[in-house]
Structure formats: C-alpha cells, structure tokens
Protein backbone atom coordinates (compact mmCIF):
# COMPACT_ATOMS: atom_id res chain seq x y z
CA UNK A 1 -71.95 -37.80 -64.47
CA UNK A 2 -69.26 -35.09 -64.20
CA UNK A 3 -68.03 -33.92 -60.80
CA UNK A 4 -67.70 -30.21 -60.16
CA UNK A 5 -65.07 -30.81 -57.49
CA UNK A 6 -61.60 -29.78 -58.55
CA UNK A 7 -59.21 -32.68 -58.13
CA UNK A 8 -55.46 -33.05 -58.47
CA UNK A 9 -54.17 -36.29 -59.97
CA UNK A 10 -50.55 -35.76 -61.06
CA UNK A 11 -47.41 -34.60 -59.29
CA UNK A 12 -46.86 -31.47 -61.36
CA UNK A 13 -50.32 -30.17 -60.48
CA UNK A 14 -49.76 -31.17 -56.86
CA UNK A 15 -46.46 -29.35 -56.39
CA UNK A 16 -47.65 -26.24 -58.19
CA UNK A 17 -50.71 -26.13 -55.94
CA UNK A 18 -48.57 -26.64 -52.85
CA UNK A 19 -46.26 -23.84 -53.95
CA UNK A 20 -49.17 -21.48 -54.53
CA UNK A 21 -50.49 -22.23 -51.04
CA UNK A 22 -47.11 -21.80 -49.33
CA UNK A 23 -46.62 -18.66 -47.24
CA UNK A 24 -42.79 -19.03 -47.30
CA UNK A 25 -42.19 -17.28 -43.95
CA UNK A 26 -38.51 -16.57 -44.69
CA UNK A 27 -39.05 -14.78 -47.98
CA UNK A 28 -36.92 -11.64 -47.88
CA UNK A 29 -38.82 -8.73 -46.30
CA UNK A 30 -36.06 -6.96 -44.36
CA UNK A 31 -36.08 -3.15 -44.46
CA UNK A 32 -32.87 -2.43 -42.56
CA UNK A 33 -29.57 -4.06 -41.57
CA UNK A 34 -30.87 -5.35 -38.22
CA UNK A 35 -33.80 -7.11 -39.86
CA UNK A 36 -31.46 -8.44 -42.54
CA UNK A 37 -29.15 -10.00 -39.93
CA UNK A 38 -32.11 -11.66 -38.20
CA UNK A 39 -33.46 -12.97 -41.51
CA UNK A 40 -30.04 -14.27 -42.61
CA UNK A 41 -29.53 -16.23 -39.39
CA UNK A 42 -33.01 -17.74 -39.64
CA UNK A 43 -32.74 -18.83 -43.28
CA UNK A 44 -29.24 -20.25 -42.88
CA UNK A 45 -30.41 -22.25 -39.87
CA UNK A 46 -33.43 -23.55 -41.82
CA UNK A 47 -31.27 -24.65 -44.76
CA UNK A 48 -28.87 -26.48 -42.46
CA UNK A 49 -31.77 -28.27 -40.76
CA UNK A 50 -33.24 -29.40 -44.07
CA UNK A 51 -29.86 -30.49 -45.45
CA UNK A 52 -29.62 -32.89 -42.53
CA UNK A 53 -26.52 -34.68 -41.28
CA UNK A 54 -23.07 -34.14 -42.68
CA UNK A 55 -20.25 -36.72 -42.62
CA UNK A 56 -17.59 -36.45 -39.95
CA UNK A 57 -14.19 -34.92 -40.80
CA UNK A 58 -11.28 -37.20 -41.63
CA UNK A 59 -7.60 -36.56 -42.40
CA UNK A 60 -7.57 -35.56 -46.09
CA UNK A 61 -4.38 -37.51 -46.92
CA UNK A 62 -3.94 -35.22 -49.93
CA UNK A 63 -1.50 -36.11 -52.66
CA UNK A 64 -0.40 -34.76 -56.01
CA UNK A 65 -1.04 -37.42 -58.68
CA UNK A 66 0.49 -35.61 -61.66
CA UNK A 67 2.15 -32.30 -62.46
CA UNK A 68 2.43 -30.58 -65.85
CA UNK A 69 4.35 -27.38 -66.54
CA UNK A 70 2.49 -25.24 -69.09
CA UNK A 71 3.33 -21.84 -70.53
CA UNK A 72 1.59 -19.60 -67.97
CA UNK A 73 0.76 -21.99 -65.16
CA UNK A 74 1.44 -25.37 -63.61
CA UNK A 75 -1.38 -27.91 -63.71
CA UNK A 76 -1.58 -30.42 -60.87
CA UNK A 77 -4.00 -33.26 -60.41
CA UNK A 78 -4.68 -33.80 -56.72
CA UNK A 79 -6.84 -36.11 -54.65
CA UNK A 80 -7.93 -35.99 -51.02
CA UNK A 81 -10.48 -37.63 -48.75
CA UNK A 82 -13.54 -35.54 -47.91
CA UNK A 83 -15.05 -38.14 -45.55
CA UNK A 84 -14.57 -41.74 -44.53
CA UNK A 85 -16.25 -43.10 -47.65
CA UNK A 86 -15.47 -40.53 -50.35
CA UNK A 87 -12.44 -39.06 -52.11
CA UNK A 88 -12.31 -35.97 -54.32
CA UNK A 89 -10.09 -35.62 -57.40
CA UNK A 90 -9.41 -32.05 -58.54
CA UNK A 91 -7.31 -29.95 -60.90
CA UNK A 92 -5.20 -27.18 -59.37
CA UNK A 93 -3.72 -24.49 -61.61
CA UNK A 94 -0.86 -22.42 -60.19
CA UNK A 95 0.25 -19.25 -62.03
CA UNK A 96 3.87 -19.29 -63.12
CA UNK A 97 6.28 -17.89 -62.20
CA UNK A 98 5.72 -17.15 -58.51
CA UNK A 99 8.20 -15.46 -56.23
CA UNK A 100 9.31 -17.39 -53.16
CA UNK A 101 6.64 -16.99 -50.47
CA UNK A 102 4.24 -15.17 -52.80
CA UNK A 103 0.54 -15.81 -52.20
CA UNK A 104 -2.13 -15.22 -54.82
CA UNK A 105 -5.93 -14.91 -54.73
CA UNK A 106 -7.66 -18.18 -55.53
CA UNK A 107 -10.93 -19.13 -57.20
CA UNK A 108 -12.93 -22.34 -56.91
CA UNK A 109 -14.14 -23.21 -60.43
CA UNK A 110 -17.16 -25.51 -60.18
CA UNK A 111 -18.25 -27.65 -63.11
CA UNK A 112 -21.79 -27.97 -64.38
CA UNK A 113 -23.98 -30.98 -65.10
CA UNK A 114 -21.84 -32.94 -67.58
CA UNK A 115 -18.55 -34.75 -67.81
CA UNK A 116 -16.89 -33.17 -64.78
CA UNK A 117 -13.91 -30.99 -64.02
CA UNK A 118 -11.79 -31.55 -67.15
CA UNK A 119 -13.25 -28.96 -69.52
CA UNK A 120 -12.72 -26.22 -66.92
CA UNK A 121 -8.98 -26.69 -67.43
CA UNK A 122 -9.18 -27.17 -71.20
CA UNK A 123 -9.09 -30.98 -71.26
CA UNK A 124 -11.52 -33.36 -72.93
CA UNK A 125 -12.62 -30.90 -75.61
CA UNK A 126 -11.17 -32.74 -78.60
CA UNK A 127 -14.34 -34.72 -79.34
CA UNK A 128 -16.54 -31.67 -79.64
CA UNK A 129 -17.55 -31.60 -75.97
CA UNK A 130 -19.63 -28.50 -75.25
CA UNK A 131 -17.43 -25.75 -73.79
CA UNK A 132 -20.06 -23.57 -72.12
CA UNK A 133 -17.64 -22.91 -69.25
CA UNK A 134 -15.06 -21.50 -71.69
CA UNK A 135 -11.99 -22.90 -69.89
CA UNK A 136 -12.64 -20.47 -67.06
CA UNK A 137 -10.03 -22.04 -64.74
CA UNK A 138 -7.36 -21.56 -67.43
CA UNK A 139 -8.41 -17.97 -68.04
CA UNK A 140 -8.18 -17.19 -64.33
CA UNK A 141 -4.80 -18.92 -63.95
CA UNK A 142 -3.45 -16.98 -66.94
CA UNK A 143 -4.58 -13.84 -65.11
CA UNK A 144 -2.66 -14.76 -61.97
CA UNK A 145 -5.18 -16.67 -59.83
CA UNK A 146 -4.69 -20.08 -58.28
CA UNK A 147 -7.72 -22.21 -59.20
CA UNK A 148 -9.14 -25.52 -58.03
CA UNK A 149 -11.73 -27.56 -59.93
CA UNK A 150 -13.12 -30.66 -58.16
CA UNK A 151 -15.36 -33.41 -59.48
CA UNK A 152 -18.79 -33.51 -57.89
CA UNK A 153 -20.37 -36.80 -56.87
CA UNK A 154 -21.76 -38.53 -59.95
CA UNK A 155 -19.54 -36.74 -62.50
CA UNK A 156 -16.10 -37.02 -64.07
CA UNK A 157 -13.95 -39.53 -62.24
CA UNK A 158 -16.76 -39.89 -59.71
CA UNK A 159 -19.34 -40.98 -62.30
CA UNK A 160 -21.51 -43.97 -61.49
CA UNK A 161 -20.54 -47.27 -63.17
CA UNK A 162 -22.68 -47.91 -66.25
CA UNK A 163 -23.47 -51.43 -65.09
CA UNK A 164 -24.79 -50.15 -61.75
CA UNK A 165 -27.58 -47.99 -63.18
CA UNK A 166 -30.37 -49.73 -65.03
CA UNK A 167 -31.04 -48.44 -68.58
CA UNK A 168 -33.37 -45.47 -68.74
CA UNK A 169 -32.74 -44.33 -65.18
CA UNK A 170 -31.27 -40.95 -64.27
CA UNK A 171 -27.86 -41.49 -62.65
CA UNK A 172 -28.28 -38.36 -60.53
CA UNK A 173 -31.49 -39.71 -59.03
CA UNK A 174 -29.99 -43.17 -58.46
CA UNK A 175 -27.08 -41.65 -56.54
CA UNK A 176 -29.45 -39.45 -54.56
CA UNK A 177 -31.65 -42.39 -53.52
CA UNK A 178 -28.69 -44.64 -52.70
CA UNK A 179 -27.18 -42.12 -50.27
CA UNK A 180 -30.64 -41.46 -48.89
CA UNK A 181 -30.73 -45.00 -47.51
CA UNK A 182 -28.03 -43.83 -45.10
CA UNK A 183 -29.86 -40.65 -44.13
CA UNK A 184 -27.93 -38.21 -46.35
CA UNK A 185 -29.17 -35.61 -48.78
CA UNK A 186 -26.97 -35.58 -51.88
CA UNK A 187 -26.81 -31.77 -51.97
CA UNK A 188 -25.56 -31.86 -48.37
CA UNK A 189 -22.77 -34.23 -49.41
CA UNK A 190 -21.90 -32.06 -52.41
CA UNK A 191 -21.70 -29.01 -50.13
CA UNK A 192 -19.55 -30.99 -47.68
CA UNK A 193 -17.17 -31.92 -50.50
CA UNK A 194 -17.04 -28.28 -51.62
CA UNK A 195 -16.15 -27.10 -48.12
CA UNK A 196 -13.48 -29.77 -47.82
CA UNK A 197 -12.13 -28.69 -51.20
CA UNK A 198 -11.85 -25.18 -49.81
CA UNK A 199 -10.10 -26.58 -46.73
CA UNK A 200 -7.52 -28.19 -49.01
CA UNK A 201 -7.14 -25.07 -51.13
CA UNK A 202 -6.32 -23.03 -48.02
CA UNK A 203 -3.45 -25.39 -47.17
CA UNK A 204 -1.71 -24.51 -50.45
CA UNK A 205 1.34 -22.28 -49.87
CA UNK A 206 0.52 -20.27 -53.03
CA UNK A 207 -2.93 -19.18 -51.75
CA UNK A 208 -3.88 -15.98 -49.94
CA UNK A 209 -6.64 -17.19 -47.62
CA UNK A 210 -8.12 -13.67 -47.40
CA UNK A 211 -8.90 -13.59 -51.14
CA UNK A 212 -11.05 -16.54 -52.19
CA UNK A 213 -13.60 -16.56 -55.00
CA UNK A 214 -16.06 -19.05 -56.44
CA UNK A 215 -17.60 -19.38 -59.91
CA UNK A 216 -19.86 -21.90 -61.63
CA UNK A 217 -22.41 -22.22 -64.41
CA UNK A 218 -25.66 -24.21 -64.26
CA UNK A 219 -25.08 -27.02 -61.70
CA UNK A 220 -21.83 -25.19 -60.99
CA UNK A 221 -24.02 -22.16 -60.31
CA UNK A 222 -26.09 -24.25 -57.90
CA UNK A 223 -22.98 -25.20 -56.00
CA UNK A 224 -21.61 -21.65 -56.05
CA UNK A 225 -24.95 -20.47 -54.67
CA UNK A 226 -25.00 -22.86 -51.71
CA UNK A 227 -21.31 -22.73 -50.89
CA UNK A 228 -21.31 -18.92 -50.95
CA UNK A 229 -24.47 -18.87 -48.84
CA UNK A 230 -23.11 -21.24 -46.19
CA UNK A 231 -19.33 -20.74 -46.15
CA UNK A 232 -18.21 -17.18 -45.30
CA UNK A 233 -14.63 -17.94 -46.38
CA UNK A 234 -15.73 -17.28 -49.97
CA UNK A 235 -15.09 -13.58 -50.45
CA UNK A 236 -16.61 -13.01 -53.90
CA UNK A 237 -18.76 -15.10 -56.24
CA UNK A 238 -20.05 -15.35 -59.80
CA UNK A 239 -23.22 -17.39 -60.37
CA UNK A 240 -23.75 -18.01 -64.09
CA UNK A 241 -26.99 -19.20 -65.68
CA UNK A 242 -28.65 -20.59 -62.58
CA UNK A 243 -30.76 -17.79 -61.08
CA UNK A 244 -34.40 -18.83 -61.24
CA UNK A 245 -37.43 -19.49 -59.07
CA UNK A 246 -39.05 -22.56 -57.59
CA UNK A 247 -42.15 -21.81 -59.63
CA UNK A 248 -40.19 -22.10 -62.86
CA UNK A 249 -38.17 -25.12 -61.70
CA UNK A 250 -41.25 -27.07 -60.63
CA UNK A 251 -43.31 -26.10 -63.67
CA UNK A 252 -40.62 -27.44 -66.04
CA UNK A 253 -39.09 -30.17 -63.84
CA UNK A 254 -35.76 -28.34 -64.11
CA UNK A 255 -33.96 -30.18 -61.31
CA UNK A 256 -32.39 -33.56 -60.50
CA UNK A 257 -31.16 -35.57 -57.55
CA UNK A 258 -27.68 -34.04 -57.75
CA UNK A 259 -28.72 -30.50 -57.02
CA UNK A 260 -32.04 -29.76 -55.40
CA UNK A 261 -32.47 -28.17 -51.98
CA UNK A 262 -34.82 -30.26 -49.81
CA UNK A 263 -37.52 -28.31 -48.02
CA UNK A 264 -36.69 -24.95 -49.60
CA UNK A 265 -40.30 -24.22 -50.57
CA UNK A 266 -41.30 -24.36 -46.90
CA UNK A 267 -39.25 -21.26 -46.18
CA UNK A 268 -38.15 -19.20 -49.16
CA UNK A 269 -37.08 -19.33 -52.82
CA UNK A 270 -33.90 -19.66 -54.87
CA UNK A 271 -33.16 -15.89 -54.95
CA UNK A 272 -33.24 -15.80 -51.14
CA UNK A 273 -30.49 -18.43 -51.01
CA UNK A 274 -28.37 -16.20 -53.26
CA UNK A 275 -29.06 -13.26 -50.94
CA UNK A 276 -27.24 -15.11 -48.16
CA UNK A 277 -23.97 -14.26 -49.92
CA UNK A 278 -24.51 -10.61 -48.92
CA UNK A 279 -22.67 -8.52 -47.94
CA UNK A 280 -19.91 -10.25 -49.92
CA UNK A 281 -19.67 -9.29 -53.63
CA UNK A 282 -21.88 -11.29 -56.00
CA UNK A 283 -22.24 -11.20 -59.79
CA UNK A 284 -25.28 -12.94 -61.30
CA UNK A 285 -25.01 -13.77 -65.00
CA UNK A 286 -27.91 -14.60 -67.31
CA UNK A 287 -27.76 -15.27 -71.05
CA UNK A 288 -30.55 -13.68 -73.03
CA UNK A 289 -30.87 -16.86 -75.15
CA UNK A 290 -30.48 -19.39 -72.32
CA UNK A 291 -33.12 -22.10 -72.81
CA UNK A 292 -32.42 -23.76 -69.44
CA UNK A 293 -32.79 -20.75 -67.14
CA UNK A 294 -34.78 -18.41 -69.35
CA UNK A 295 -34.24 -14.67 -69.23
CA UNK A 296 -37.89 -13.85 -68.55
CA UNK A 297 -37.52 -15.64 -65.20
CA UNK A 298 -33.82 -15.02 -64.54
CA UNK A 299 -33.83 -11.23 -64.87
CA UNK A 300 -36.58 -10.49 -62.30
CA UNK A 301 -35.18 -13.17 -59.98
CA UNK A 302 -31.75 -11.50 -60.11
CA UNK A 303 -33.33 -8.14 -59.34
CA UNK A 304 -34.86 -9.70 -56.23
CA UNK A 305 -31.36 -10.63 -55.06
CA UNK A 306 -30.24 -7.02 -55.50
CA UNK A 307 -32.86 -5.93 -52.96
CA UNK A 308 -30.85 -7.45 -50.10
CA UNK A 309 -27.77 -5.49 -51.15
CA UNK A 310 -29.76 -2.26 -51.45
CA UNK A 311 -31.16 -2.73 -47.95
CA UNK A 312 -27.57 -2.95 -46.70
CA UNK A 313 -26.55 0.13 -48.68
CA UNK A 314 -24.01 -1.81 -50.75
CA UNK A 315 -25.74 -2.07 -54.12
CA UNK A 316 -22.38 -1.93 -55.91
CA UNK A 317 -21.52 -5.36 -54.49
CA UNK A 318 -24.29 -7.07 -56.45
CA UNK A 319 -23.96 -6.93 -60.24
CA UNK A 320 -26.47 -8.35 -62.74
CA UNK A 321 -24.79 -9.25 -66.01
CA UNK A 322 -27.40 -9.95 -68.71
CA UNK A 323 -25.33 -10.81 -71.75
CA UNK A 324 -26.04 -11.75 -75.39
CA UNK A 325 -25.49 -15.47 -75.13
CA UNK A 326 -26.80 -18.88 -74.26
CA UNK A 327 -26.24 -21.28 -71.33
CA UNK A 328 -22.63 -20.30 -70.62
CA UNK A 329 -20.21 -18.22 -68.60
CA UNK A 330 -19.73 -14.63 -69.71
CA UNK A 331 -15.97 -14.72 -69.22
CA UNK A 332 -14.68 -11.13 -69.43
CA UNK A 333 -17.13 -9.60 -66.91
CA UNK A 334 -16.43 -12.50 -64.54
CA UNK A 335 -12.69 -11.92 -64.75
CA UNK A 336 -13.17 -8.20 -64.18
CA UNK A 337 -15.39 -8.93 -61.15
CA UNK A 338 -12.72 -11.02 -59.47
CA UNK A 339 -10.07 -8.46 -60.37
CA UNK A 340 -12.14 -5.79 -58.68
CA UNK A 341 -12.82 -7.67 -55.46
CA UNK A 342 -9.93 -10.10 -55.09
CA UNK A 343 -6.96 -8.70 -57.01
CA UNK A 344 -7.32 -4.92 -57.09
CA UNK A 345 -6.15 -2.32 -54.54
CA UNK A 346 -7.68 -3.06 -51.15
CA UNK A 347 -9.22 -6.26 -52.47
CA UNK A 348 -7.74 -8.41 -49.72
CA UNK A 349 -10.50 -7.13 -47.42
CA UNK A 350 -13.24 -8.70 -49.58
CA UNK A 351 -13.22 -11.97 -47.66
CA UNK A 352 -13.24 -10.29 -44.24
CA UNK A 353 -16.59 -8.55 -44.67
CA UNK A 354 -18.48 -11.82 -44.81
CA UNK A 355 -20.50 -11.42 -41.64
CA UNK A 356 -20.99 -7.69 -41.23
CA UNK A 357 -23.31 -5.40 -43.19
C-alpha cells in the first residue's frame, strides 16, 4: 500500500521546507531612510540575540614576536589575548618609510577557509598552496596601508591538534560543538576575536583610526560581512566571493561550524546582513566561474544589497564587481575601492558616516 501523504525524512528536505515556510519578518522592505533605520536596529538586535553570549574583555598583553624589514614595508608577527581562554596571533604590515607621527589608513585582511593568515602576507606559498587571496595584505601595504591579518579559531596557528579530532570528522564542526558545551556560538567567538583585533589595530601609532577598512574572500568574506555589519568602526569593506542566499547554502550544504549564523533564517537572509554595512561603502565581488558561490545566485543576491543603498540615496557607495575569475579576490578593483574611500581626498570621513544615512 502506498501512502498519499507527503512526508519528510531527511534533513535537507526538512530545512528546505522550513525555509520555504518562513516569513522572515526582517527581510529588507524599507522605502525611506526612517524605515531603514528602524529595520537596521531591529536586525542588528536580532543577530546579537542569536549570537548569544560573548566572552568578557581582558587586558590584551600584546607583544611583537618577530620583526622583518622588507623592501616596501615592515612585517611584524604579534600576539594578544582576546579573552581569558584565547590568544590571537596576527601579521601586521607597516608601510616603509613613515614620517615621525604619520598615521596611515589601515585594512583588516581576513583569511578564508584554509591554512590561515600566512598566505595573505605571501608566506607558505612555496608548496603550491592555493593563492586565491593574491597576497592582498602585501598589495595593500605596498600601496601605503597598514594591514593586520589574524588567525581565526581552527586555522593557522590556532588549528586543532590532529590527535584531538577523530578521523573523518570536520574540524570546524568539532570546534563548534566543543565551545557549544560552554554556551558559545563559534561565529560569536570569531566576531569577538575580530573586534579585539580591531581594538589592537587602533592602538598602533601608525594607524589613522578614522580610516579603517576590511576585506576577505570566502570565509574571510563571511567575517568581513559580520564585522562590518556589527562594528561601525569599519569605514569601508570589500566582500569577495561570499554573497549568496540561505536557499543556496542549505540546498548544497555550503556551510560549516566555523562560519554559520545561528537563527538567521528566522529573520532575514545573507544579503540583509550585508545591507547592515550601509551607509558605509561596500564592494561585493563575485567571480563568474566561482563554483563555491555561483554567479547565478551571487549576482541577484548582490543586487538585493544595492537596494538598501538606493533607498538611502547613496547608490555610489555600493559597488558590484562581477569579474572574469574563480573563487578569489579581484585585487585591482579592491585596491581602487579602498583608495577611493580611505586614501583619497576627503576619505578620512568614510568611517564617520557609519550610523547616519
């Protein structure tokens, strides 16, 4: 006997059905600046609720572990405490030479899902490691920016010990579950570390605190999205090869424990999180041959983000860069974007517009 009742047996079918039934009350529907402000406050508050508790602040006890003088910049390896039970190693690149007392714009360069911070500064590439980030921290430092590139939890020097994770298990998910025993969401802890990295960056005497940017590809794009959405100190951002939708992510299981936003489907979608960067300048990059965040999904999702900027009458502050490439940073447009908003005439005001349309 065959039942005519439609039944759902696996998780993929379940989550797709849940998504289809969701009303997502904080999807972007604003038609003017006043409605936009109300929507922005509501979605930010919802994200913070779902992210849950954050660790308490601690003295960073920052130190420089090594210092290398290169042709156009100085490379420092630094470390600092982000909370009572976690430390962050990072590379800092300082343009050289600098005049006494000179302060430069700075960019946080956030690594993707892989080996960590090293390839951003041109290290660890000898063995054929994929360079989809194209040494972006070096390129920015050569252009006159101070850059900082931290390791995220689970990557680089913060990678999980091989003997701790049983064979066949995803290290990202193991780290996520382990911290969950203590009531923390891993994305919340990553965001916390990013904000503490920015705290440290702003203590550097070479940095102009009014001119701060952020760039990342893939998982680095995830972190650029959430940091720019939640920390108004970031004055301009480039999100490379991450724009997508929950429908696409859930249909293809394109997520992991390191970088998913809990509860997002109850309120809105990935493009709405990117909209929270407005009115600060935002470039969204998408490769037309990207197999991870495919162009057929990325392009319309990016156009959704532009709507928020059009409502505010500042369409020029949101740029969609669809480039002939794969899962990578499109370097030259990204450099030009930061030059426009952080380094050009009048650019020092870019970070001060964070909360006003």
